[in-house]
Amino acid sequence: MALWRIRATVDDRPGYLSVLTASLALKSVNILAVQVHTTEEGAVDDFLVDAPDMLTESDIMAAVLKGRGRDAFVTRADPQALADQPTRALALAGRVVHEPDSLGEALAALLDATEVRWRPAATADLPGFHGGRMTLADPAGGAFEVLRALPAFTPAEFARAKSLVEVAATVSRQHHEQVTLLLPDGTELVLRAARAEDQAAVRELHEECSAETLRQRYLSGNVPDESRLRRMLEPARGVTLLAVATGGRVVAMASLLAEGDLGEISLLVADSWQRRGLGSALLRRLRVHAERSGLAALIAHLAADNTAMLRVLRQLGAETVERDGSVVSVTLPTATAPATSG
């Protein structure tokens, strides 16, 4: 038996797909996977099949045409094609996360393209696709041009490619947004967004902190387990910033979790790095992220005896402090907050 890839357009009417599959079955062609791409011309069906060794490309093409398939494309398939499309796309996205410069190769693999070229903005066409040519806007400027002879690109493939480009753009933006912080005593630190691979270093930060520091950060007294820590590093809505010293040692972390138009902020600074201006710097950058995201205000829930954090938030412009027993809630408006009339 041999693996083949078949793509054909079928009228988007009840029963028409079964006509095509029945025609293939008469040739003992076993369908291993199928994807359906909806287009204006009809449904484009993409099959991965296992066919008897004696069947040729012409034999399979004839079976497709007999099954009312049109604009057909038939080619031998590699065993790697046995991985389903979502698995393949996720694997390529993971590769781009770890190697942003591999975007061109990832696009070629995702789309089975023969060539991927980058073109400057002055010569780039508008994003879109026609036949075997696709243009994708590069968020950093210019555009990617993706080429293949056959089959023609579909809207679904264009959407997948755009998503992969957006993943690469996000990763690149995170790398470029890191800044160097010079503390008043001359110490240099790097401030950047947290990543999943920082989990071990962040765990070491928690182990370095005193019980009192952890109590003031986690009001419940429960230090996060590995699962919660992983979610904190890459929140679904928000960002976690790290302060990284020489050698990759994480000495502080600040988190912003967004819900609606509000963001909850928290801060953890290793004992030996406290009262050196590091917490203020991290909270200022969190507020910048909040303003870019359109959040109206930031809220921090603190232990009432956490005077250092209260002082920092007041310096940053906190307007509302509400106390509930041993906990205070502090509201810090952002630049996007609506102005109040006097």
C-alpha atoms as a PDB file:
ATOM      1  CA  MET A   1       0.000   0.000   0.000  1.00  0.00           C
ATOM      2  CA  ALA A   2       1.125   3.585  -0.683  1.00  0.00           C
ATOM      3  CA  LEU A   3       0.251   6.965   0.812  1.00  0.00           C
ATOM      4  CA  TRP A   4      -1.275   9.596  -1.470  1.00  0.00           C
ATOM      5  CA  ARG A   5      -2.604  13.078  -0.975  1.00  0.00           C
ATOM      6  CA  ILE A   6      -5.727  14.036  -2.930  1.00  0.00           C
ATOM      7  CA  ARG A   7      -7.356  17.442  -3.148  1.00  0.00           C
ATOM      8  CA  ALA A   8     -10.509  18.109  -5.173  1.00  0.00           C
ATOM      9  CA  THR A   9     -13.408  20.551  -5.229  1.00  0.00           C
ATOM     10  CA  VAL A  10     -16.855  19.033  -4.743  1.00  0.00           C
ATOM     11  CA  ASP A  11     -20.219  20.758  -5.011  1.00  0.00           C
ATOM     12  CA  ASP A  12     -21.337  21.656  -1.501  1.00  0.00           C
ATOM     13  CA  ARG A  13     -24.542  19.617  -1.686  1.00  0.00           C
ATOM     14  CA  PRO A  14     -25.805  16.667   0.352  1.00  0.00           C
ATOM     15  CA  GLY A  15     -24.406  13.360  -0.878  1.00  0.00           C
ATOM     16  CA  TYR A  16     -21.750  14.708  -3.231  1.00  0.00           C
ATOM     17  CA  LEU A  17     -18.858  13.860  -0.905  1.00  0.00           C
ATOM     18  CA  SER A  18     -20.141  10.295  -0.586  1.00  0.00           C
ATOM     19  CA  VAL A  19     -20.064   9.947  -4.391  1.00  0.00           C
ATOM     20  CA  LEU A  20     -16.362  10.804  -4.374  1.00  0.00           C
ATOM     21  CA  THR A  21     -15.518   8.504  -1.470  1.00  0.00           C
ATOM     22  CA  ALA A  22     -17.484   5.669  -3.084  1.00  0.00           C
ATOM     23  CA  SER A  23     -15.525   6.082  -6.310  1.00  0.00           C
ATOM     24  CA  LEU A  24     -12.274   5.829  -4.362  1.00  0.00           C
ATOM     25  CA  ALA A  25     -13.549   2.801  -2.442  1.00  0.00           C
ATOM     26  CA  LEU A  26     -14.159   0.955  -5.712  1.00  0.00           C
ATOM     27  CA  LYS A  27     -10.396   1.208  -6.285  1.00  0.00           C
ATOM     28  CA  SER A  28      -9.721  -0.120  -2.742  1.00  0.00           C
ATOM     29  CA  VAL A  29      -8.477   3.316  -1.679  1.00  0.00           C
ATOM     30  CA  ASN A  30      -8.638   3.676   2.113  1.00  0.00           C
ATOM     31  CA  ILE A  31      -9.217   7.247   3.410  1.00  0.00           C
ATOM     32  CA  LEU A  32      -7.017   7.892   6.474  1.00  0.00           C
ATOM     33  CA  ALA A  33      -7.829  11.570   7.044  1.00  0.00           C
ATOM     34  CA  VAL A  34      -9.922  14.274   5.458  1.00  0.00           C
ATOM     35  CA  GLN A  35     -10.131  18.040   5.773  1.00  0.00           C
ATOM     36  CA  VAL A  36     -12.825  20.212   4.258  1.00  0.00           C
ATOM     37  CA  HIS A  37     -11.979  23.759   3.099  1.00  0.00           C
ATOM     38  CA  THR A  38     -15.057  25.867   2.374  1.00  0.00           C
ATOM     39  CA  THR A  39     -14.708  28.197  -0.621  1.00  0.00           C
ATOM     40  CA  GLU A  40     -17.036  30.167  -2.872  1.00  0.00           C
ATOM     41  CA  GLU A  41     -16.580  27.578  -5.634  1.00  0.00           C
ATOM     42  CA  GLY A  42     -17.554  24.660  -3.402  1.00  0.00           C
ATOM     43  CA  ALA A  43     -16.045  22.441  -0.731  1.00  0.00           C
ATOM     44  CA  VAL A  44     -12.360  21.644  -1.270  1.00  0.00           C
ATOM     45  CA  ASP A  45     -11.751  18.179   0.182  1.00  0.00           C
ATOM     46  CA  ASP A  46      -8.217  17.278   1.184  1.00  0.00           C
ATOM     47  CA  PHE A  47      -7.648  13.523   1.650  1.00  0.00           C
ATOM     48  CA  LEU A  48      -4.765  11.474   2.924  1.00  0.00           C
ATOM     49  CA  VAL A  49      -5.295   7.974   1.537  1.00  0.00           C
ATOM     50  CA  ASP A  50      -3.695   4.555   1.487  1.00  0.00           C
ATOM     51  CA  ALA A  51      -3.957   2.982  -1.992  1.00  0.00           C
ATOM     52  CA  PRO A  52      -2.867  -0.364  -3.476  1.00  0.00           C
ATOM     53  CA  ASP A  53       0.676  -0.324  -4.835  1.00  0.00           C
ATOM     54  CA  MET A  54      -0.461  -1.064  -8.373  1.00  0.00           C
ATOM     55  CA  LEU A  55      -2.501   2.161  -8.619  1.00  0.00           C
ATOM     56  CA  THR A  56      -0.829   5.022 -10.450  1.00  0.00           C
ATOM     57  CA  GLU A  57      -1.417   8.758 -10.171  1.00  0.00           C
ATOM     58  CA  SER A  58      -3.540   8.532 -13.332  1.00  0.00           C
ATOM     59  CA  ASP A  59      -5.665   5.761 -11.834  1.00  0.00           C
ATOM     60  CA  ILE A  60      -6.398   7.761  -8.709  1.00  0.00           C
ATOM     61  CA  MET A  61      -7.052  10.925 -10.719  1.00  0.00           C
ATOM     62  CA  ALA A  62      -9.564   9.018 -12.865  1.00  0.00           C
ATOM     63  CA  ALA A  63     -11.374   7.776  -9.748  1.00  0.00           C
ATOM     64  CA  VAL A  64     -11.588  11.336  -8.396  1.00  0.00           C
ATOM     65  CA  LEU A  65     -12.998  12.694 -11.651  1.00  0.00           C
ATOM     66  CA  LYS A  66     -15.491   9.822 -11.855  1.00  0.00           C
ATOM     67  CA  GLY A  67     -16.595  10.758  -8.323  1.00  0.00           C
ATOM     68  CA  ARG A  68     -17.477  14.295  -9.550  1.00  0.00           C
ATOM     69  CA  GLY A  69     -14.350  15.884  -8.134  1.00  0.00           C
ATOM     70  CA  ARG A  70     -12.941  18.801 -10.121  1.00  0.00           C
ATOM     71  CA  ASP A  71      -9.748  20.869 -10.081  1.00  0.00           C
ATOM     72  CA  ALA A  72      -8.169  17.699  -8.749  1.00  0.00           C
ATOM     73  CA  PHE A  73      -4.646  17.367  -7.441  1.00  0.00           C
ATOM     74  CA  VAL A  74      -2.977  14.018  -6.667  1.00  0.00           C
ATOM     75  CA  THR A  75       0.547  13.427  -5.347  1.00  0.00           C
ATOM     76  CA  ARG A  76       2.486  10.897  -3.281  1.00  0.00           C
ATOM     77  CA  ALA A  77       2.511  11.667   0.444  1.00  0.00           C
ATOM     78  CA  ASP A  78       5.236  11.378   3.049  1.00  0.00           C
ATOM     79  CA  PRO A  79       4.568   9.270   6.200  1.00  0.00           C
ATOM     80  CA  GLN A  80       4.899  12.488   8.217  1.00  0.00           C
ATOM     81  CA  ALA A  81       1.562  13.518   6.712  1.00  0.00           C
ATOM     82  CA  LEU A  82      -0.080  10.960   8.999  1.00  0.00           C
ATOM     83  CA  ALA A  83       0.041  13.606  11.751  1.00  0.00           C
ATOM     84  CA  ASP A  84      -3.278  15.437  11.661  1.00  0.00           C
ATOM     85  CA  GLN A  85      -3.331  19.102  10.661  1.00  0.00           C
ATOM     86  CA  PRO A  86      -3.985  20.573  14.144  1.00  0.00           C
ATOM     87  CA  THR A  87      -1.087  18.553  15.585  1.00  0.00           C
ATOM     88  CA  ARG A  88       1.161  19.666  12.742  1.00  0.00           C
ATOM     89  CA  ALA A  89       0.182  23.327  13.158  1.00  0.00           C
ATOM     90  CA  LEU A  90       0.745  23.230  16.927  1.00  0.00           C
ATOM     91  CA  ALA A  91       4.169  21.649  16.474  1.00  0.00           C
ATOM     92  CA  LEU A  92       5.176  24.376  14.023  1.00  0.00           C
ATOM     93  CA  ALA A  93       3.857  27.089  16.359  1.00  0.00           C
ATOM     94  CA  GLY A  94       5.969  25.592  19.144  1.00  0.00           C
ATOM     95  CA  ARG A  95       9.004  25.696  16.876  1.00  0.00           C
ATOM     96  CA  VAL A  96       8.399  29.373  16.080  1.00  0.00           C
ATOM     97  CA  VAL A  97       8.056  30.197  19.791  1.00  0.00           C
ATOM     98  CA  HIS A  98      11.520  28.792  20.459  1.00  0.00           C
ATOM     99  CA  GLU A  99      13.051  29.901  17.139  1.00  0.00           C
ATOM    100  CA  PRO A 100      11.323  33.073  15.846  1.00  0.00           C
ATOM    101  CA  ASP A 101      13.769  33.237  12.928  1.00  0.00           C
ATOM    102  CA  SER A 102      12.420  29.913  11.632  1.00  0.00           C
ATOM    103  CA  LEU A 103       9.095  31.487  10.561  1.00  0.00           C
ATOM    104  CA  GLY A 104       9.848  31.160   6.837  1.00  0.00           C
ATOM    105  CA  GLU A 105      10.672  27.463   7.161  1.00  0.00           C
ATOM    106  CA  ALA A 106       7.596  26.916   9.339  1.00  0.00           C
ATOM    107  CA  LEU A 107       5.322  28.570   6.760  1.00  0.00           C
ATOM    108  CA  ALA A 108       6.805  26.385   4.035  1.00  0.00           C
ATOM    109  CA  ALA A 109       6.154  23.256   6.102  1.00  0.00           C
ATOM    110  CA  LEU A 110       2.632  24.326   7.098  1.00  0.00           C
ATOM    111  CA  LEU A 111       1.597  25.073   3.525  1.00  0.00           C
ATOM    112  CA  ASP A 112       3.720  22.517   1.638  1.00  0.00           C
ATOM    113  CA  ALA A 113       5.199  25.512  -0.184  1.00  0.00           C
ATOM    114  CA  THR A 114       8.082  25.370  -2.617  1.00  0.00           C
ATOM    115  CA  GLU A 115       9.395  28.826  -1.672  1.00  0.00           C
ATOM    116  CA  VAL A 116       8.882  31.545   0.954  1.00  0.00           C
ATOM    117  CA  ARG A 117      10.307  34.997   0.220  1.00  0.00           C
ATOM    118  CA  TRP A 118      10.359  38.179   2.292  1.00  0.00           C
ATOM    119  CA  ARG A 119       9.679  41.421   0.454  1.00  0.00           C
ATOM    120  CA  PRO A 120      10.072  45.020   1.717  1.00  0.00           C
ATOM    121  CA  ALA A 121       6.971  47.146   2.260  1.00  0.00           C
ATOM    122  CA  ALA A 122       7.559  49.231  -0.875  1.00  0.00           C
ATOM    123  CA  THR A 123       7.212  46.174  -3.126  1.00  0.00           C
ATOM    124  CA  ALA A 124       4.797  44.058  -1.089  1.00  0.00           C
ATOM    125  CA  ASP A 125       1.245  43.408  -2.235  1.00  0.00           C
ATOM    126  CA  LEU A 126      -1.780  43.519   0.049  1.00  0.00           C
ATOM    127  CA  PRO A 127      -2.284  40.372   2.156  1.00  0.00           C
ATOM    128  CA  GLY A 128      -4.300  37.687   0.412  1.00  0.00           C
ATOM    129  CA  PHE A 129      -3.959  34.708  -1.898  1.00  0.00           C
ATOM    130  CA  HIS A 130      -4.629  33.743  -5.468  1.00  0.00           C
ATOM    131  CA  GLY A 131      -3.921  30.336  -6.937  1.00  0.00           C
ATOM    132  CA  GLY A 132      -0.567  29.150  -5.638  1.00  0.00           C
ATOM    133  CA  ARG A 133       0.614  32.553  -4.389  1.00  0.00           C
ATOM    134  CA  MET A 134      -0.032  33.901  -0.890  1.00  0.00           C
ATOM    135  CA  THR A 135       1.020  37.220   0.646  1.00  0.00           C
ATOM    136  CA  LEU A 136       1.183  37.636   4.421  1.00  0.00           C
ATOM    137  CA  ALA A 137       1.864  40.924   6.203  1.00  0.00           C
ATOM    138  CA  ASP A 138       4.944  40.835   8.421  1.00  0.00           C
ATOM    139  CA  PRO A 139       4.133  42.817  11.617  1.00  0.00           C
ATOM    140  CA  ALA A 140       7.771  43.936  11.687  1.00  0.00           C
ATOM    141  CA  GLY A 141       7.377  45.466   8.212  1.00  0.00           C
ATOM    142  CA  GLY A 142       7.211  44.140   4.671  1.00  0.00           C
ATOM    143  CA  ALA A 143       5.511  40.882   3.760  1.00  0.00           C
ATOM    144  CA  PHE A 144       6.058  37.177   3.215  1.00  0.00           C
ATOM    145  CA  GLU A 145       5.349  35.754  -0.220  1.00  0.00           C
ATOM    146  CA  VAL A 146       4.538  32.027  -0.179  1.00  0.00           C
ATOM    147  CA  LEU A 147       4.597  30.082  -3.444  1.00  0.00           C
ATOM    148  CA  ARG A 148       3.645  26.592  -4.585  1.00  0.00           C
ATOM    149  CA  ALA A 149       2.665  25.180  -7.954  1.00  0.00           C
ATOM    150  CA  LEU A 150      -0.382  23.102  -6.937  1.00  0.00           C
ATOM    151  CA  PRO A 151      -2.890  22.924  -5.401  1.00  0.00           C
ATOM    152  CA  ALA A 152      -4.281  26.438  -5.078  1.00  0.00           C
ATOM    153  CA  PHE A 153      -4.394  27.956  -1.595  1.00  0.00           C
ATOM    154  CA  THR A 154      -7.678  27.987   0.327  1.00  0.00           C
ATOM    155  CA  PRO A 155      -9.125  30.461   2.870  1.00  0.00           C
ATOM    156  CA  ALA A 156      -8.481  27.963   5.673  1.00  0.00           C
ATOM    157  CA  GLU A 157      -4.786  27.752   4.771  1.00  0.00           C
ATOM    158  CA  PHE A 158      -4.555  31.544   4.637  1.00  0.00           C
ATOM    159  CA  ALA A 159      -6.096  31.793   8.127  1.00  0.00           C
ATOM    160  CA  ARG A 160      -3.659  29.183   9.516  1.00  0.00           C
ATOM    161  CA  ALA A 161      -0.683  30.988   8.003  1.00  0.00           C
ATOM    162  CA  LYS A 162      -1.826  34.340   9.435  1.00  0.00           C
ATOM    163  CA  SER A 163      -2.116  32.768  12.894  1.00  0.00           C
ATOM    164  CA  LEU A 164       1.423  31.379  12.667  1.00  0.00           C
ATOM    165  CA  VAL A 165       2.760  34.810  11.657  1.00  0.00           C
ATOM    166  CA  GLU A 166       0.943  36.353  14.637  1.00  0.00           C
ATOM    167  CA  VAL A 167       2.574  33.831  17.000  1.00  0.00           C
ATOM    168  CA  ALA A 168       6.000  34.769  15.658  1.00  0.00           C
ATOM    169  CA  ALA A 169       5.186  38.475  15.968  1.00  0.00           C
ATOM    170  CA  THR A 170       4.135  38.078  19.603  1.00  0.00           C
ATOM    171  CA  VAL A 171       7.322  36.206  20.488  1.00  0.00           C
ATOM    172  CA  SER A 172       9.472  38.761  18.687  1.00  0.00           C
ATOM    173  CA  ARG A 173       7.680  41.613  20.440  1.00  0.00           C
ATOM    174  CA  GLN A 174       8.303  40.025  23.842  1.00  0.00           C
ATOM    175  CA  HIS A 175      12.011  39.666  23.097  1.00  0.00           C
ATOM    176  CA  HIS A 176      12.308  43.270  21.956  1.00  0.00           C
ATOM    177  CA  GLU A 177      10.331  44.681  24.885  1.00  0.00           C
ATOM    178  CA  GLN A 178      12.929  43.691  27.446  1.00  0.00           C
ATOM    179  CA  VAL A 179      14.762  46.652  28.948  1.00  0.00           C
ATOM    180  CA  THR A 180      17.818  47.158  31.113  1.00  0.00           C
ATOM    181  CA  LEU A 181      17.126  48.751  34.500  1.00  0.00           C
ATOM    182  CA  LEU A 182      19.857  50.669  36.289  1.00  0.00           C
ATOM    183  CA  LEU A 183      19.213  50.784  40.037  1.00  0.00           C
ATOM    184  CA  PRO A 184      20.326  53.817  42.096  1.00  0.00           C
ATOM    185  CA  ASP A 185      23.300  51.814  43.419  1.00  0.00           C
ATOM    186  CA  GLY A 186      24.526  51.103  39.865  1.00  0.00           C
ATOM    187  CA  THR A 187      23.286  47.497  39.639  1.00  0.00           C
ATOM    188  CA  GLU A 188      21.916  46.477  36.231  1.00  0.00           C
ATOM    189  CA  LEU A 189      18.932  44.183  35.810  1.00  0.00           C
ATOM    190  CA  VAL A 190      16.909  43.050  32.805  1.00  0.00           C
ATOM    191  CA  LEU A 191      13.131  43.513  32.953  1.00  0.00           C
ATOM    192  CA  ARG A 192      11.196  41.272  30.560  1.00  0.00           C
ATOM    193  CA  ALA A 193       8.040  39.231  30.155  1.00  0.00           C
ATOM    194  CA  ALA A 194       8.037  35.798  31.776  1.00  0.00           C
ATOM    195  CA  ARG A 195       8.123  32.628  29.700  1.00  0.00           C
ATOM    196  CA  ALA A 196       7.252  29.017  30.492  1.00  0.00           C
ATOM    197  CA  GLU A 197      10.912  28.064  30.695  1.00  0.00           C
ATOM    198  CA  ASP A 198      11.372  30.522  33.602  1.00  0.00           C
ATOM    199  CA  GLN A 199       9.422  28.266  35.969  1.00  0.00           C
ATOM    200  CA  ALA A 200      12.463  26.747  37.703  1.00  0.00           C
ATOM    201  CA  ALA A 201      14.082  30.158  38.234  1.00  0.00           C
ATOM    202  CA  VAL A 202      10.832  31.608  39.605  1.00  0.00           C
ATOM    203  CA  ARG A 203      10.497  28.655  41.972  1.00  0.00           C
ATOM    204  CA  GLU A 204      14.017  29.455  43.230  1.00  0.00           C
ATOM    205  CA  LEU A 205      12.912  33.064  43.802  1.00  0.00           C
ATOM    206  CA  HIS A 206      10.103  31.807  46.048  1.00  0.00           C
ATOM    207  CA  GLU A 207      12.500  29.557  47.952  1.00  0.00           C
ATOM    208  CA  GLU A 208      14.825  32.528  48.516  1.00  0.00           C
ATOM    209  CA  CYS A 209      12.060  34.708  50.001  1.00  0.00           C
ATOM    210  CA  SER A 210      11.404  34.768  53.732  1.00  0.00           C
ATOM    211  CA  ALA A 211       8.144  33.497  55.200  1.00  0.00           C
ATOM    212  CA  GLU A 212       7.146  37.123  55.945  1.00  0.00           C
ATOM    213  CA  THR A 213       7.700  38.221  52.332  1.00  0.00           C
ATOM    214  CA  LEU A 214       5.659  35.276  51.047  1.00  0.00           C
ATOM    215  CA  ARG A 215       2.875  36.050  53.539  1.00  0.00           C
ATOM    216  CA  GLN A 216       2.630  39.622  52.304  1.00  0.00           C
ATOM    217  CA  ARG A 217       2.510  38.439  48.665  1.00  0.00           C
ATOM    218  CA  TYR A 218       0.111  35.509  49.165  1.00  0.00           C
ATOM    219  CA  LEU A 219      -2.452  36.643  51.701  1.00  0.00           C
ATOM    220  CA  SER A 220      -3.831  33.133  52.121  1.00  0.00           C
ATOM    221  CA  GLY A 221      -0.404  31.880  53.092  1.00  0.00           C
ATOM    222  CA  ASN A 222      -0.510  29.266  50.315  1.00  0.00           C
ATOM    223  CA  VAL A 223       2.562  29.457  48.111  1.00  0.00           C
ATOM    224  CA  PRO A 224       1.593  28.418  44.532  1.00  0.00           C
ATOM    225  CA  ASP A 225       2.181  24.855  43.438  1.00  0.00           C
ATOM    226  CA  GLU A 226       3.813  24.084  40.091  1.00  0.00           C
ATOM    227  CA  SER A 227       0.539  24.115  38.165  1.00  0.00           C
ATOM    228  CA  ARG A 228      -0.513  27.527  39.481  1.00  0.00           C
ATOM    229  CA  LEU A 229       2.987  28.908  39.055  1.00  0.00           C
ATOM    230  CA  ARG A 230       2.933  27.878  35.401  1.00  0.00           C
ATOM    231  CA  ARG A 231      -0.364  29.728  34.880  1.00  0.00           C
ATOM    232  CA  MET A 232       1.033  32.807  36.617  1.00  0.00           C
ATOM    233  CA  LEU A 233       3.986  32.991  34.237  1.00  0.00           C
ATOM    234  CA  GLU A 234       1.815  33.153  31.118  1.00  0.00           C
ATOM    235  CA  PRO A 235      -1.662  34.368  32.138  1.00  0.00           C
ATOM    236  CA  ALA A 236      -4.471  34.084  29.605  1.00  0.00           C
ATOM    237  CA  ARG A 237      -5.187  37.821  29.922  1.00  0.00           C
ATOM    238  CA  GLY A 238      -2.352  39.907  31.284  1.00  0.00           C
ATOM    239  CA  VAL A 239       1.391  39.634  31.720  1.00  0.00           C
ATOM    240  CA  THR A 240       4.010  38.659  34.274  1.00  0.00           C
ATOM    241  CA  LEU A 241       7.251  40.635  34.313  1.00  0.00           C
ATOM    242  CA  LEU A 242      10.530  39.373  35.726  1.00  0.00           C
ATOM    243  CA  ALA A 243      13.604  41.176  36.986  1.00  0.00           C
ATOM    244  CA  VAL A 244      16.618  39.093  35.998  1.00  0.00           C
ATOM    245  CA  ALA A 245      20.097  39.561  37.474  1.00  0.00           C
ATOM    246  CA  THR A 246      23.448  38.388  36.146  1.00  0.00           C
ATOM    247  CA  GLY A 247      23.501  34.657  35.469  1.00  0.00           C
ATOM    248  CA  GLY A 248      19.772  34.451  34.801  1.00  0.00           C
ATOM    249  CA  ARG A 249      18.767  34.656  38.473  1.00  0.00           C
ATOM    250  CA  VAL A 250      15.190  35.939  38.874  1.00  0.00           C
ATOM    251  CA  VAL A 251      15.065  38.384  41.796  1.00  0.00           C
ATOM    252  CA  ALA A 252      11.525  39.792  41.421  1.00  0.00           C
ATOM    253  CA  MET A 253       8.260  39.209  39.611  1.00  0.00           C
ATOM    254  CA  ALA A 254       5.201  41.381  39.051  1.00  0.00           C
ATOM    255  CA  SER A 255       1.911  40.112  37.612  1.00  0.00           C
ATOM    256  CA  LEU A 256      -1.052  41.757  35.920  1.00  0.00           C
ATOM    257  CA  LEU A 257      -4.258  39.712  35.559  1.00  0.00           C
ATOM    258  CA  ALA A 258      -6.979  41.418  33.509  1.00  0.00           C
ATOM    259  CA  GLU A 259     -10.711  40.951  33.961  1.00  0.00           C
ATOM    260  CA  GLY A 260     -13.020  43.263  32.056  1.00  0.00           C
ATOM    261  CA  ASP A 261     -11.593  46.780  32.173  1.00  0.00           C
ATOM    262  CA  LEU A 262      -9.771  46.178  35.479  1.00  0.00           C
ATOM    263  CA  GLY A 263      -6.416  44.575  36.197  1.00  0.00           C
ATOM    264  CA  GLU A 264      -5.236  42.974  39.436  1.00  0.00           C
ATOM    265  CA  ILE A 265      -1.540  43.492  40.184  1.00  0.00           C
ATOM    266  CA  SER A 266       0.831  41.723  42.578  1.00  0.00           C
ATOM    267  CA  LEU A 267       4.521  41.933  43.363  1.00  0.00           C
ATOM    268  CA  LEU A 268       7.164  39.659  44.859  1.00  0.00           C
ATOM    269  CA  VAL A 269      10.720  40.909  45.455  1.00  0.00           C
ATOM    270  CA  ALA A 270      13.464  38.801  47.053  1.00  0.00           C
ATOM    271  CA  ASP A 271      14.334  40.081  50.544  1.00  0.00           C
ATOM    272  CA  SER A 272      17.864  41.160  49.621  1.00  0.00           C
ATOM    273  CA  TRP A 273      16.543  43.229  46.690  1.00  0.00           C
ATOM    274  CA  GLN A 274      13.830  45.122  48.546  1.00  0.00           C
ATOM    275  CA  ARG A 275      13.869  48.911  49.098  1.00  0.00           C
ATOM    276  CA  ARG A 276      16.125  49.474  46.081  1.00  0.00           C
ATOM    277  CA  GLY A 277      13.515  50.866  43.655  1.00  0.00           C
ATOM    278  CA  LEU A 278      12.945  47.556  41.882  1.00  0.00           C
ATOM    279  CA  GLY A 279       9.293  47.162  42.881  1.00  0.00           C
ATOM    280  CA  SER A 280       8.453  50.682  41.705  1.00  0.00           C
ATOM    281  CA  ALA A 281      10.079  50.047  38.324  1.00  0.00           C
ATOM    282  CA  LEU A 282       8.138  46.808  37.789  1.00  0.00           C
ATOM    283  CA  LEU A 283       4.809  48.363  38.780  1.00  0.00           C
ATOM    284  CA  ARG A 284       5.372  51.300  36.412  1.00  0.00           C
ATOM    285  CA  ARG A 285       5.907  48.881  33.524  1.00  0.00           C
ATOM    286  CA  LEU A 286       2.797  46.932  34.505  1.00  0.00           C
ATOM    287  CA  ARG A 287       0.824  50.155  34.318  1.00  0.00           C
ATOM    288  CA  VAL A 288       2.176  50.768  30.798  1.00  0.00           C
ATOM    289  CA  HIS A 289       0.981  47.286  29.764  1.00  0.00           C
ATOM    290  CA  ALA A 290      -2.419  48.016  31.321  1.00  0.00           C
ATOM    291  CA  GLU A 291      -2.759  51.294  29.426  1.00  0.00           C
ATOM    292  CA  ARG A 292      -1.843  49.605  26.123  1.00  0.00           C
ATOM    293  CA  SER A 293      -4.561  47.039  26.818  1.00  0.00           C
ATOM    294  CA  GLY A 294      -7.145  49.734  27.524  1.00  0.00           C
ATOM    295  CA  LEU A 295      -7.613  48.900  31.222  1.00  0.00           C
ATOM    296  CA  ALA A 296      -9.224  51.669  33.257  1.00  0.00           C
ATOM    297  CA  ALA A 297      -7.606  50.889  36.612  1.00  0.00           C
ATOM    298  CA  LEU A 298      -5.355  48.531  38.534  1.00  0.00           C
ATOM    299  CA  ILE A 299      -6.252  46.956  41.868  1.00  0.00           C
ATOM    300  CA  ALA A 300      -3.885  45.481  44.447  1.00  0.00           C
ATOM    301  CA  HIS A 301      -5.021  43.453  47.465  1.00  0.00           C
ATOM    302  CA  LEU A 302      -2.431  43.764  50.235  1.00  0.00           C
ATOM    303  CA  ALA A 303      -1.799  42.874  53.831  1.00  0.00           C
ATOM    304  CA  ALA A 304      -2.603  45.978  55.886  1.00  0.00           C
ATOM    305  CA  ASP A 305       0.917  45.935  57.375  1.00  0.00           C
ATOM    306  CA  ASN A 306       2.587  45.941  53.933  1.00  0.00           C
ATOM    307  CA  THR A 307       3.535  49.591  54.313  1.00  0.00           C
ATOM    308  CA  ALA A 308       6.292  49.471  51.687  1.00  0.00           C
ATOM    309  CA  MET A 309       3.882  48.416  48.912  1.00  0.00           C
ATOM    310  CA  LEU A 310       1.275  50.933  50.085  1.00  0.00           C
ATOM    311  CA  ARG A 311       3.846  53.693  49.920  1.00  0.00           C
ATOM    312  CA  VAL A 312       4.917  52.722  46.393  1.00  0.00           C
ATOM    313  CA  LEU A 313       1.328  52.625  45.129  1.00  0.00           C
ATOM    314  CA  ARG A 314       0.600  56.047  46.642  1.00  0.00           C
ATOM    315  CA  GLN A 315       3.698  57.422  44.929  1.00  0.00           C
ATOM    316  CA  LEU A 316       2.349  56.055  41.639  1.00  0.00           C
ATOM    317  CA  GLY A 317      -0.971  57.876  42.161  1.00  0.00           C
ATOM    318  CA  ALA A 318      -3.228  55.439  44.005  1.00  0.00           C
ATOM    319  CA  GLU A 319      -6.492  57.202  44.847  1.00  0.00           C
ATOM    320  CA  THR A 320      -8.629  54.668  46.717  1.00  0.00           C
ATOM    321  CA  VAL A 321      -7.674  52.541  49.710  1.00  0.00           C
ATOM    322  CA  GLU A 322     -10.334  50.313  51.285  1.00  0.00           C
ATOM    323  CA  ARG A 323      -9.691  48.178  54.356  1.00  0.00           C
ATOM    324  CA  ASP A 324     -11.388  44.887  55.207  1.00  0.00           C
ATOM    325  CA  GLY A 325      -9.874  43.477  58.360  1.00  0.00           C
ATOM    326  CA  SER A 326      -6.230  42.654  57.752  1.00  0.00           C
ATOM    327  CA  VAL A 327      -6.484  43.255  53.993  1.00  0.00           C
ATOM    328  CA  VAL A 328      -6.521  46.547  52.098  1.00  0.00           C
ATOM    329  CA  SER A 329      -7.530  47.030  48.468  1.00  0.00           C
ATOM    330  CA  VAL A 330      -5.776  49.821  46.590  1.00  0.00           C
ATOM    331  CA  THR A 331      -7.013  51.245  43.276  1.00  0.00           C
ATOM    332  CA  LEU A 332      -4.551  52.829  40.871  1.00  0.00           C
ATOM    333  CA  PRO A 333      -6.128  54.557  37.843  1.00  0.00           C
ATOM    334  CA  THR A 334      -4.423  54.378  34.447  1.00  0.00           C
ATOM    335  CA  ALA A 335      -4.082  57.012  31.754  1.00  0.00           C
ATOM    336  CA  THR A 336      -7.009  55.380  29.927  1.00  0.00           C
ATOM    337  CA  ALA A 337      -9.400  55.940  32.851  1.00  0.00           C
ATOM    338  CA  PRO A 338     -12.273  58.307  31.972  1.00  0.00           C
ATOM    339  CA  ALA A 339     -11.830  61.780  33.361  1.00  0.00           C
ATOM    340  CA  THR A 340     -14.213  62.776  36.163  1.00  0.00           C
ATOM    341  CA  SER A 341     -15.996  66.100  35.885  1.00  0.00           C
ATOM    342  CA  GLY A 342     -15.600  68.526  38.769  1.00  0.00           C
END
